[in-house]
Structures are given as C-alpha cells and as structure tokens.
Amino acid sequence: MNSDIAVDYLVTGMTCGHCERAVTEEVSRLPGVTAVEVSASSGRLSLTTDGTPLDDADVLAAVDEAGYAATRA
C-alpha cells in the first residue's frame, strides 16, 4: 500500500528558473516531503510526502521564506 500524499499549490510571483529553485529548496526542507515540482510558467507547486502529516501553513511559510505567496490549489 502506497502512503504517499500529493498536494498542489498555486504560487504567485515566480518568473524564472531561479524562482523555481528558491521555492523547491525551501519546500524540500519540510519534514516528510519526498518530491517537489515547481513551474514558474504555470505558477504551480506540486509536492509529495511520505505520508507524514503536513500542515498547509508550513508549506505557505516555506514559500513565503523563498519570497513568494501561495494558496492551496
């Protein structure tokens, strides 16, 4: 049984690869996050966790730390 959980967010303000890397680095540091995909062109952040509960506020704070704003998709 796969316990991975995928969650999507909309991120505003990203325009380039540097933006994508900044968000990826911050979100990847959250406990339980196993994969992060970020697209500046679509403004989307998709993350996968190992099943560890992850609070949206923690993800939003990580995106904010990278210099952007996010909402759950």
C-alpha atoms as a PDB file:
ATOM      1  CA  MET A   1       0.000   0.000   0.000  1.00  0.00           C
ATOM      2  CA  ASN A   2       1.356   3.419  -1.020  1.00  0.00           C
ATOM      3  CA  SER A   3       1.041   6.074   1.681  1.00  0.00           C
ATOM      4  CA  ASP A   4       2.429   8.932  -0.419  1.00  0.00           C
ATOM      5  CA  ILE A   5       0.295  12.061  -0.427  1.00  0.00           C
ATOM      6  CA  ALA A   6       0.380  14.569  -3.313  1.00  0.00           C
ATOM      7  CA  VAL A   7      -0.689  18.181  -2.765  1.00  0.00           C
ATOM      8  CA  ASP A   8      -0.830  21.116  -5.194  1.00  0.00           C
ATOM      9  CA  TYR A   9      -0.475  24.847  -4.583  1.00  0.00           C
ATOM     10  CA  LEU A  10      -0.677  27.979  -6.708  1.00  0.00           C
ATOM     11  CA  VAL A  11       2.341  30.257  -6.327  1.00  0.00           C
ATOM     12  CA  THR A  12       2.342  33.914  -7.379  1.00  0.00           C
ATOM     13  CA  GLY A  13       5.326  35.997  -8.376  1.00  0.00           C
ATOM     14  CA  MET A  14       7.566  33.350  -9.935  1.00  0.00           C
ATOM     15  CA  THR A  15       9.067  34.281 -13.305  1.00  0.00           C
ATOM     16  CA  CYS A  16      12.141  32.103 -13.902  1.00  0.00           C
ATOM     17  CA  GLY A  17      14.243  29.091 -13.037  1.00  0.00           C
ATOM     18  CA  HIS A  18      15.809  30.890 -10.074  1.00  0.00           C
ATOM     19  CA  CYS A  19      12.314  31.360  -8.634  1.00  0.00           C
ATOM     20  CA  GLU A  20      11.585  27.664  -9.116  1.00  0.00           C
ATOM     21  CA  ARG A  21      14.830  26.662  -7.380  1.00  0.00           C
ATOM     22  CA  ALA A  22      14.217  29.003  -4.430  1.00  0.00           C
ATOM     23  CA  VAL A  23      10.750  27.550  -3.798  1.00  0.00           C
ATOM     24  CA  THR A  24      11.956  23.979  -4.344  1.00  0.00           C
ATOM     25  CA  GLU A  25      14.804  24.386  -1.851  1.00  0.00           C
ATOM     26  CA  GLU A  26      12.587  25.812   0.898  1.00  0.00           C
ATOM     27  CA  VAL A  27       9.730  23.325   0.480  1.00  0.00           C
ATOM     28  CA  SER A  28      12.135  20.368   0.226  1.00  0.00           C
ATOM     29  CA  ARG A  29      13.336  21.123   3.755  1.00  0.00           C
ATOM     30  CA  LEU A  30       9.937  20.356   5.279  1.00  0.00           C
ATOM     31  CA  PRO A  31       9.768  17.054   7.194  1.00  0.00           C
ATOM     32  CA  GLY A  32       8.231  14.244   5.174  1.00  0.00           C
ATOM     33  CA  VAL A  33       8.482  15.924   1.768  1.00  0.00           C
ATOM     34  CA  THR A  34       9.845  13.397  -0.727  1.00  0.00           C
ATOM     35  CA  ALA A  35       9.372  15.232  -4.046  1.00  0.00           C
ATOM     36  CA  VAL A  36       8.785  18.810  -5.198  1.00  0.00           C
ATOM     37  CA  GLU A  37       7.911  20.058  -8.673  1.00  0.00           C
ATOM     38  CA  VAL A  38       7.669  23.787  -9.325  1.00  0.00           C
ATOM     39  CA  SER A  39       6.736  25.543 -12.559  1.00  0.00           C
ATOM     40  CA  ALA A  40       7.112  29.306 -12.930  1.00  0.00           C
ATOM     41  CA  SER A  41       5.212  29.247 -16.225  1.00  0.00           C
ATOM     42  CA  SER A  42       2.113  27.641 -14.700  1.00  0.00           C
ATOM     43  CA  GLY A  43       2.582  29.059 -11.202  1.00  0.00           C
ATOM     44  CA  ARG A  44       2.141  25.626  -9.665  1.00  0.00           C
ATOM     45  CA  LEU A  45       3.878  23.786  -6.864  1.00  0.00           C
ATOM     46  CA  SER A  46       3.261  20.064  -6.501  1.00  0.00           C
ATOM     47  CA  LEU A  47       4.712  18.170  -3.595  1.00  0.00           C
ATOM     48  CA  THR A  48       4.619  14.608  -2.399  1.00  0.00           C
ATOM     49  CA  THR A  49       5.045  13.492   1.180  1.00  0.00           C
ATOM     50  CA  ASP A  50       5.840  10.096   2.635  1.00  0.00           C
ATOM     51  CA  GLY A  51       2.507  10.144   4.451  1.00  0.00           C
ATOM     52  CA  THR A  52       3.766  12.374   7.251  1.00  0.00           C
ATOM     53  CA  PRO A  53       1.060  14.921   8.101  1.00  0.00           C
ATOM     54  CA  LEU A  54       1.995  18.288   6.609  1.00  0.00           C
ATOM     55  CA  ASP A  55       0.225  21.481   7.611  1.00  0.00           C
ATOM     56  CA  ASP A  56      -0.622  23.890   4.779  1.00  0.00           C
ATOM     57  CA  ALA A  57       0.659  26.728   6.978  1.00  0.00           C
ATOM     58  CA  ASP A  58       4.133  25.159   6.954  1.00  0.00           C
ATOM     59  CA  VAL A  59       4.142  24.947   3.153  1.00  0.00           C
ATOM     60  CA  LEU A  60       2.890  28.515   2.806  1.00  0.00           C
ATOM     61  CA  ALA A  61       5.562  29.707   5.256  1.00  0.00           C
ATOM     62  CA  ALA A  62       8.279  27.911   3.255  1.00  0.00           C
ATOM     63  CA  VAL A  63       7.079  29.531   0.027  1.00  0.00           C
ATOM     64  CA  ASP A  64       6.978  32.893   1.810  1.00  0.00           C
ATOM     65  CA  GLU A  65      10.552  32.336   3.014  1.00  0.00           C
ATOM     66  CA  ALA A  66      11.538  31.899  -0.644  1.00  0.00           C
ATOM     67  CA  GLY A  67       9.939  35.282  -1.381  1.00  0.00           C
ATOM     68  CA  TYR A  68       6.621  34.252  -2.933  1.00  0.00           C
ATOM     69  CA  ALA A  69       2.990  33.738  -1.955  1.00  0.00           C
ATOM     70  CA  ALA A  70       0.973  30.551  -2.290  1.00  0.00           C
ATOM     71  CA  THR A  71      -2.517  29.162  -1.844  1.00  0.00           C
ATOM     72  CA  ARG A  72      -3.711  25.577  -1.893  1.00  0.00           C
ATOM     73  CA  ALA A  73      -4.947  24.609  -5.355  1.00  0.00           C
END
